Amino acid sequence: LERQIDREMISDKNKHTAEIIKRLKKMYPDAHCALIHTNAFELLVATILSAQCTDDRVNIVTATLFRKYRTPQDFVDID
């Protein structure tokens, strides 16, 4: 019974999430991410940086940053 309730709650949350996404797409059909990225890791780094400055500035900085440091391991290996 507990598992059934859990599945129902997940199903309700998924339906609710889908409805929110549907409404947002209708309200903002041309919305896009202003941060330039090629993968999820780059988007994560750019998002963290964007809390400190403008998206335009982040795109300037990350253009050079992501050429030099391409993977999470590259950042770990920095002295």
PDB file of N, CA and C in Angstrom:
ATOM      1  N   LEU A   1       0.828  -1.199   0.000  1.00  0.00           N
ATOM      2  CA  LEU A   1       0.000   0.000   0.000  1.00  0.00           C
ATOM      3  C   LEU A   1       0.870   1.259   0.000  1.00  0.00           C
ATOM      4  N   GLU A   2       1.966   1.245   0.780  1.00  0.00           N
ATOM      5  CA  GLU A   2       2.853   2.410   0.827  1.00  0.00           C
ATOM      6  C   GLU A   2       3.457   2.701  -0.539  1.00  0.00           C
ATOM      7  N   ARG A   3       3.870   1.643  -1.220  1.00  0.00           N
ATOM      8  CA  ARG A   3       4.469   1.822  -2.553  1.00  0.00           C
ATOM      9  C   ARG A   3       3.459   2.386  -3.541  1.00  0.00           C
ATOM     10  N   GLN A   4       2.224   1.940  -3.434  1.00  0.00           N
ATOM     11  CA  GLN A   4       1.183   2.447  -4.316  1.00  0.00           C
ATOM     12  C   GLN A   4       0.969   3.937  -4.068  1.00  0.00           C
ATOM     13  N   ILE A   5       0.943   4.335  -2.820  1.00  0.00           N
ATOM     14  CA  ILE A   5       0.765   5.752  -2.469  1.00  0.00           C
ATOM     15  C   ILE A   5       1.953   6.556  -2.994  1.00  0.00           C
ATOM     16  N   ASP A   6       3.182   6.017  -2.822  1.00  0.00           N
ATOM     17  CA  ASP A   6       4.374   6.691  -3.335  1.00  0.00           C
ATOM     18  C   ASP A   6       4.289   6.867  -4.844  1.00  0.00           C
ATOM     19  N   ARG A   7       3.873   5.823  -5.549  1.00  0.00           N
ATOM     20  CA  ARG A   7       3.746   5.913  -7.018  1.00  0.00           C
ATOM     21  C   ARG A   7       2.698   6.936  -7.421  1.00  0.00           C
ATOM     22  N   GLU A   8       1.597   6.985  -6.694  1.00  0.00           N
ATOM     23  CA  GLU A   8       0.550   7.961  -6.984  1.00  0.00           C
ATOM     24  C   GLU A   8       1.058   9.379  -6.754  1.00  0.00           C
ATOM     25  N   MET A   9       1.822   9.576  -5.682  1.00  0.00           N
ATOM     26  CA  MET A   9       2.376  10.903  -5.406  1.00  0.00           C
ATOM     27  C   MET A   9       3.348  11.316  -6.509  1.00  0.00           C
ATOM     28  N   ILE A  10       4.189  10.390  -6.941  1.00  0.00           N
ATOM     29  CA  ILE A  10       5.132  10.677  -8.021  1.00  0.00           C
ATOM     30  C   ILE A  10       4.369  10.990  -9.297  1.00  0.00           C
ATOM     31  N   SER A  11       3.341  10.216  -9.575  1.00  0.00           N
ATOM     32  CA  SER A  11       2.532  10.452 -10.765  1.00  0.00           C
ATOM     33  C   SER A  11       1.883  11.833 -10.727  1.00  0.00           C
ATOM     34  N   ASP A  12       1.339  12.195  -9.566  1.00  0.00           N
ATOM     35  CA  ASP A  12       0.726  13.520  -9.411  1.00  0.00           C
ATOM     36  C   ASP A  12       1.761  14.622  -9.610  1.00  0.00           C
ATOM     37  N   LYS A  13       2.971  14.431  -9.040  1.00  0.00           N
ATOM     38  CA  LYS A  13       4.025  15.427  -9.197  1.00  0.00           C
ATOM     39  C   LYS A  13       4.446  15.542 -10.653  1.00  0.00           C
ATOM     40  N   ASN A  14       4.544  14.407 -11.340  1.00  0.00           N
ATOM     41  CA  ASN A  14       4.919  14.429 -12.756  1.00  0.00           C
ATOM     42  C   ASN A  14       3.869  15.154 -13.589  1.00  0.00           C
ATOM     43  N   LYS A  15       2.608  14.916 -13.294  1.00  0.00           N
ATOM     44  CA  LYS A  15       1.522  15.605 -14.009  1.00  0.00           C
ATOM     45  C   LYS A  15       1.578  17.105 -13.741  1.00  0.00           C
ATOM     46  N   HIS A  16       1.814  17.452 -12.497  1.00  0.00           N
ATOM     47  CA  HIS A  16       1.897  18.862 -12.112  1.00  0.00           C
ATOM     48  C   HIS A  16       3.086  19.529 -12.810  1.00  0.00           C
ATOM     49  N   THR A  17       4.217  18.857 -12.813  1.00  0.00           N
ATOM     50  CA  THR A  17       5.408  19.385 -13.478  1.00  0.00           C
ATOM     51  C   THR A  17       5.159  19.560 -14.977  1.00  0.00           C
ATOM     52  N   ALA A  18       4.548  18.570 -15.597  1.00  0.00           N
ATOM     53  CA  ALA A  18       4.248  18.647 -17.026  1.00  0.00           C
ATOM     54  C   ALA A  18       3.327  19.825 -17.327  1.00  0.00           C
ATOM     55  N   GLU A  19       2.365  20.074 -16.469  1.00  0.00           N
ATOM     56  CA  GLU A  19       1.445  21.200 -16.657  1.00  0.00           C
ATOM     57  C   GLU A  19       2.179  22.531 -16.533  1.00  0.00           C
ATOM     58  N   ILE A  20       3.060  22.633 -15.572  1.00  0.00           N
ATOM     59  CA  ILE A  20       3.849  23.862 -15.409  1.00  0.00           C
ATOM     60  C   ILE A  20       4.692  24.111 -16.654  1.00  0.00           C
ATOM     61  N   ILE A  21       5.369  23.085 -17.130  1.00  0.00           N
ATOM     62  CA  ILE A  21       6.204  23.225 -18.332  1.00  0.00           C
ATOM     63  C   ILE A  21       5.356  23.627 -19.533  1.00  0.00           C
ATOM     64  N   LYS A  22       4.207  23.012 -19.681  1.00  0.00           N
ATOM     65  CA  LYS A  22       3.296  23.352 -20.787  1.00  0.00           C
ATOM     66  C   LYS A  22       2.899  24.830 -20.738  1.00  0.00           C
ATOM     67  N   ARG A  23       2.548  25.309 -19.554  1.00  0.00           N
ATOM     68  CA  ARG A  23       2.138  26.713 -19.410  1.00  0.00           C
ATOM     69  C   ARG A  23       3.298  27.673 -19.664  1.00  0.00           C
ATOM     70  N   LEU A  24       4.476  27.322 -19.158  1.00  0.00           N
ATOM     71  CA  LEU A  24       5.646  28.175 -19.387  1.00  0.00           C
ATOM     72  C   LEU A  24       5.984  28.256 -20.877  1.00  0.00           C
ATOM     73  N   LYS A  25       5.917  27.126 -21.575  1.00  0.00           N
ATOM     74  CA  LYS A  25       6.195  27.126 -23.017  1.00  0.00           C
ATOM     75  C   LYS A  25       5.185  27.974 -23.774  1.00  0.00           C
ATOM     76  N   LYS A  26       3.939  27.954 -23.320  1.00  0.00           N
ATOM     77  CA  LYS A  26       2.903  28.769 -23.959  1.00  0.00           C
ATOM     78  C   LYS A  26       3.147  30.252 -23.694  1.00  0.00           C
ATOM     79  N   MET A  27       3.520  30.589 -22.458  1.00  0.00           N
ATOM     80  CA  MET A  27       3.745  31.987 -22.091  1.00  0.00           C
ATOM     81  C   MET A  27       5.037  32.544 -22.678  1.00  0.00           C
ATOM     82  N   TYR A  28       6.045  31.699 -22.796  1.00  0.00           N
ATOM     83  CA  TYR A  28       7.371  32.133 -23.249  1.00  0.00           C
ATOM     84  C   TYR A  28       7.877  31.207 -24.359  1.00  0.00           C
ATOM     85  N   PRO A  29       7.239  31.246 -25.522  1.00  0.00           N
ATOM     86  CA  PRO A  29       7.594  30.286 -26.584  1.00  0.00           C
ATOM     87  C   PRO A  29       9.014  30.459 -27.134  1.00  0.00           C
ATOM     88  N   ASP A  30       9.578  31.643 -27.005  1.00  0.00           N
ATOM     89  CA  ASP A  30      10.914  31.893 -27.555  1.00  0.00           C
ATOM     90  C   ASP A  30      11.996  31.933 -26.476  1.00  0.00           C
ATOM     91  N   ALA A  31      11.677  31.436 -25.287  1.00  0.00           N
ATOM     92  CA  ALA A  31      12.651  31.467 -24.185  1.00  0.00           C
ATOM     93  C   ALA A  31      13.847  30.587 -24.513  1.00  0.00           C
ATOM     94  N   HIS A  32      15.019  31.072 -24.131  1.00  0.00           N
ATOM     95  CA  HIS A  32      16.239  30.296 -24.322  1.00  0.00           C
ATOM     96  C   HIS A  32      17.242  30.683 -23.242  1.00  0.00           C
ATOM     97  N   CYS A  33      18.233  29.871 -23.091  1.00  0.00           N
ATOM     98  CA  CYS A  33      19.270  30.134 -22.099  1.00  0.00           C
ATOM     99  C   CYS A  33      20.290  31.086 -22.705  1.00  0.00           C
ATOM    100  N   ALA A  34      20.568  32.170 -22.024  1.00  0.00           N
ATOM    101  CA  ALA A  34      21.522  33.165 -22.526  1.00  0.00           C
ATOM    102  C   ALA A  34      22.972  32.741 -22.312  1.00  0.00           C
ATOM    103  N   LEU A  35      23.185  31.738 -21.470  1.00  0.00           N
ATOM    104  CA  LEU A  35      24.544  31.275 -21.204  1.00  0.00           C
ATOM    105  C   LEU A  35      24.991  30.314 -22.302  1.00  0.00           C
ATOM    106  N   ILE A  36      26.141  30.585 -22.870  1.00  0.00           N
ATOM    107  CA  ILE A  36      26.670  29.732 -23.940  1.00  0.00           C
ATOM    108  C   ILE A  36      27.349  28.522 -23.315  1.00  0.00           C
ATOM    109  N   HIS A  37      26.916  27.329 -23.722  1.00  0.00           N
ATOM    110  CA  HIS A  37      27.468  26.090 -23.176  1.00  0.00           C
ATOM    111  C   HIS A  37      27.302  24.963 -24.193  1.00  0.00           C
ATOM    112  N   THR A  38      28.121  23.926 -24.042  1.00  0.00           N
ATOM    113  CA  THR A  38      28.024  22.777 -24.944  1.00  0.00           C
ATOM    114  C   THR A  38      27.647  21.495 -24.221  1.00  0.00           C
ATOM    115  N   ASN A  39      27.616  21.539 -22.887  1.00  0.00           N
ATOM    116  CA  ASN A  39      27.238  20.349 -22.127  1.00  0.00           C
ATOM    117  C   ASN A  39      26.745  20.775 -20.741  1.00  0.00           C
ATOM    118  N   ALA A  40      26.269  19.810 -19.991  1.00  0.00           N
ATOM    119  CA  ALA A  40      25.688  20.099 -18.677  1.00  0.00           C
ATOM    120  C   ALA A  40      26.722  20.662 -17.698  1.00  0.00           C
ATOM    121  N   PHE A  41      27.953  20.172 -17.767  1.00  0.00           N
ATOM    122  CA  PHE A  41      28.990  20.670 -16.871  1.00  0.00           C
ATOM    123  C   PHE A  41      29.265  22.145 -17.137  1.00  0.00           C
ATOM    124  N   GLU A  42      29.397  22.523 -18.403  1.00  0.00           N
ATOM    125  CA  GLU A  42      29.631  23.928 -18.741  1.00  0.00           C
ATOM    126  C   GLU A  42      28.458  24.792 -18.284  1.00  0.00           C
ATOM    127  N   LEU A  43      27.248  24.296 -18.447  1.00  0.00           N
ATOM    128  CA  LEU A  43      26.082  25.056 -17.998  1.00  0.00           C
ATOM    129  C   LEU A  43      26.111  25.241 -16.483  1.00  0.00           C
ATOM    130  N   LEU A  44      26.498  24.208 -15.756  1.00  0.00           N
ATOM    131  CA  LEU A  44      26.597  24.321 -14.299  1.00  0.00           C
ATOM    132  C   LEU A  44      27.605  25.391 -13.899  1.00  0.00           C
ATOM    133  N   VAL A  45      28.793  25.353 -14.488  1.00  0.00           N
ATOM    134  CA  VAL A  45      29.827  26.344 -14.171  1.00  0.00           C
ATOM    135  C   VAL A  45      29.338  27.745 -14.536  1.00  0.00           C
ATOM    136  N   ALA A  46      28.772  27.893 -15.720  1.00  0.00           N
ATOM    137  CA  ALA A  46      28.295  29.202 -16.167  1.00  0.00           C
ATOM    138  C   ALA A  46      27.182  29.726 -15.255  1.00  0.00           C
ATOM    139  N   THR A  47      26.312  28.851 -14.810  1.00  0.00           N
ATOM    140  CA  THR A  47      25.222  29.251 -13.918  1.00  0.00           C
ATOM    141  C   THR A  47      25.767  29.747 -12.586  1.00  0.00           C
ATOM    142  N   ILE A  48      26.755  29.044 -12.055  1.00  0.00           N
ATOM    143  CA  ILE A  48      27.374  29.475 -10.793  1.00  0.00           C
ATOM    144  C   ILE A  48      28.012  30.846 -10.981  1.00  0.00           C
ATOM    145  N   LEU A  49      28.724  31.026 -12.075  1.00  0.00           N
ATOM    146  CA  LEU A  49      29.363  32.320 -12.333  1.00  0.00           C
ATOM    147  C   LEU A  49      28.337  33.427 -12.545  1.00  0.00           C
ATOM    148  N   SER A  50      27.205  33.090 -13.122  1.00  0.00           N
ATOM    149  CA  SER A  50      26.202  34.120 -13.425  1.00  0.00           C
ATOM    150  C   SER A  50      25.586  34.717 -12.162  1.00  0.00           C
ATOM    151  N   ALA A  51      25.755  34.059 -11.033  1.00  0.00           N
ATOM    152  CA  ALA A  51      25.254  34.622  -9.776  1.00  0.00           C
ATOM    153  C   ALA A  51      26.105  35.811  -9.342  1.00  0.00           C
ATOM    154  N   GLN A  52      27.288  35.932  -9.932  1.00  0.00           N
ATOM    155  CA  GLN A  52      28.227  36.984  -9.528  1.00  0.00           C
ATOM    156  C   GLN A  52      28.296  38.149 -10.515  1.00  0.00           C
ATOM    157  N   CYS A  53      27.808  37.942 -11.742  1.00  0.00           N
ATOM    158  CA  CYS A  53      27.877  39.003 -12.754  1.00  0.00           C
ATOM    159  C   CYS A  53      26.842  38.747 -13.842  1.00  0.00           C
ATOM    160  N   THR A  54      26.899  39.509 -14.908  1.00  0.00           N
ATOM    161  CA  THR A  54      25.906  39.386 -15.971  1.00  0.00           C
ATOM    162  C   THR A  54      26.185  38.161 -16.849  1.00  0.00           C
ATOM    163  N   ASP A  55      25.143  37.690 -17.521  1.00  0.00           N
ATOM    164  CA  ASP A  55      25.306  36.570 -18.445  1.00  0.00           C
ATOM    165  C   ASP A  55      26.286  36.921 -19.559  1.00  0.00           C
ATOM    166  N   ASP A  56      26.249  38.157 -20.031  1.00  0.00           N
ATOM    167  CA  ASP A  56      27.182  38.581 -21.075  1.00  0.00           C
ATOM    168  C   ASP A  56      28.627  38.436 -20.611  1.00  0.00           C
ATOM    169  N   ARG A  57      28.913  38.862 -19.392  1.00  0.00           N
ATOM    170  CA  ARG A  57      30.270  38.752 -18.842  1.00  0.00           C
ATOM    171  C   ARG A  57      30.659  37.283 -18.672  1.00  0.00           C
ATOM    172  N   VAL A  58      29.732  36.460 -18.210  1.00  0.00           N
ATOM    173  CA  VAL A  58      30.005  35.023 -18.062  1.00  0.00           C
ATOM    174  C   VAL A  58      30.389  34.428 -19.410  1.00  0.00           C
ATOM    175  N   ASN A  59      29.652  34.779 -20.460  1.00  0.00           N
ATOM    176  CA  ASN A  59      29.958  34.241 -21.788  1.00  0.00           C
ATOM    177  C   ASN A  59      31.349  34.665 -22.267  1.00  0.00           C
ATOM    178  N   ILE A  60      31.764  35.877 -21.917  1.00  0.00           N
ATOM    179  CA  ILE A  60      33.111  36.341 -22.273  1.00  0.00           C
ATOM    180  C   ILE A  60      34.159  35.508 -21.542  1.00  0.00           C
ATOM    181  N   VAL A  61      33.965  35.324 -20.249  1.00  0.00           N
ATOM    182  CA  VAL A  61      34.934  34.588 -19.426  1.00  0.00           C
ATOM    183  C   VAL A  61      34.977  33.110 -19.798  1.00  0.00           C
ATOM    184  N   THR A  62      33.823  32.504 -19.966  1.00  0.00           N
ATOM    185  CA  THR A  62      33.798  31.062 -20.229  1.00  0.00           C
ATOM    186  C   THR A  62      34.296  30.706 -21.628  1.00  0.00           C
ATOM    187  N   ALA A  63      34.266  31.649 -22.551  1.00  0.00           N
ATOM    188  CA  ALA A  63      34.813  31.363 -23.884  1.00  0.00           C
ATOM    189  C   ALA A  63      36.270  30.922 -23.786  1.00  0.00           C
ATOM    190  N   THR A  64      37.031  31.620 -22.966  1.00  0.00           N
ATOM    191  CA  THR A  64      38.441  31.268 -22.746  1.00  0.00           C
ATOM    192  C   THR A  64      38.560  30.115 -21.754  1.00  0.00           C
ATOM    193  N   LEU A  65      37.800  30.176 -20.685  1.00  0.00           N
ATOM    194  CA  LEU A  65      37.875  29.171 -19.630  1.00  0.00           C
ATOM    195  C   LEU A  65      37.621  27.767 -20.166  1.00  0.00           C
ATOM    196  N   PHE A  66      36.574  27.594 -20.967  1.00  0.00           N
ATOM    197  CA  PHE A  66      36.215  26.261 -21.439  1.00  0.00           C
ATOM    198  C   PHE A  66      37.133  25.749 -22.542  1.00  0.00           C
ATOM    199  N   ARG A  67      37.907  26.626 -23.165  1.00  0.00           N
ATOM    200  CA  ARG A  67      38.919  26.144 -24.117  1.00  0.00           C
ATOM    201  C   ARG A  67      40.071  25.490 -23.363  1.00  0.00           C
ATOM    202  N   LYS A  68      40.402  26.052 -22.207  1.00  0.00           N
ATOM    203  CA  LYS A  68      41.535  25.550 -21.427  1.00  0.00           C
ATOM    204  C   LYS A  68      41.131  24.389 -20.509  1.00  0.00           C
ATOM    205  N   TYR A  69      39.988  24.502 -19.880  1.00  0.00           N
ATOM    206  CA  TYR A  69      39.513  23.497 -18.933  1.00  0.00           C
ATOM    207  C   TYR A  69      38.216  22.905 -19.473  1.00  0.00           C
ATOM    208  N   ARG A  70      38.293  21.724 -20.038  1.00  0.00           N
ATOM    209  CA  ARG A  70      37.149  21.130 -20.744  1.00  0.00           C
ATOM    210  C   ARG A  70      36.304  20.179 -19.894  1.00  0.00           C
ATOM    211  N   THR A  71      36.901  19.626 -18.838  1.00  0.00           N
ATOM    212  CA  THR A  71      36.200  18.621 -18.044  1.00  0.00           C
ATOM    213  C   THR A  71      36.300  18.959 -16.551  1.00  0.00           C
ATOM    214  N   PRO A  72      35.460  18.341 -15.747  1.00  0.00           N
ATOM    215  CA  PRO A  72      35.591  18.547 -14.295  1.00  0.00           C
ATOM    216  C   PRO A  72      36.995  18.174 -13.797  1.00  0.00           C
ATOM    217  N   GLN A  73      37.580  17.139 -14.353  1.00  0.00           N
ATOM    218  CA  GLN A  73      38.916  16.724 -13.922  1.00  0.00           C
ATOM    219  C   GLN A  73      39.941  17.796 -14.222  1.00  0.00           C
ATOM    220  N   ASP A  74      39.787  18.518 -15.323  1.00  0.00           N
ATOM    221  CA  ASP A  74      40.694  19.616 -15.633  1.00  0.00           C
ATOM    222  C   ASP A  74      40.695  20.657 -14.511  1.00  0.00           C
ATOM    223  N   PHE A  75      39.527  20.923 -13.942  1.00  0.00           N
ATOM    224  CA  PHE A  75      39.438  21.894 -12.847  1.00  0.00           C
ATOM    225  C   PHE A  75      40.062  21.325 -11.572  1.00  0.00           C
ATOM    226  N   VAL A  76      39.869  20.043 -11.333  1.00  0.00           N
ATOM    227  CA  VAL A  76      40.451  19.398 -10.162  1.00  0.00           C
ATOM    228  C   VAL A  76      41.978  19.469 -10.216  1.00  0.00           C
ATOM    229  N   ASP A  77      42.538  19.343 -11.411  1.00  0.00           N
ATOM    230  CA  ASP A  77      43.993  19.290 -11.577  1.00  0.00           C
ATOM    231  C   ASP A  77      44.675  20.662 -11.517  1.00  0.00           C
ATOM    232  N   ILE A  78      43.923  21.738 -11.399  1.00  0.00           N
ATOM    233  CA  ILE A  78      44.515  23.069 -11.316  1.00  0.00           C
ATOM    234  C   ILE A  78      45.283  23.199 -10.008  1.00  0.00           C
ATOM    235  N   ASP A  79      46.494  23.734 -10.071  1.00  0.00           N
ATOM    236  CA  ASP A  79      47.290  23.946  -8.849  1.00  0.00           C
ATOM    237  C   ASP A  79      46.678  25.027  -7.983  1.00  0.00           C
TER     238      ASP A  79
END
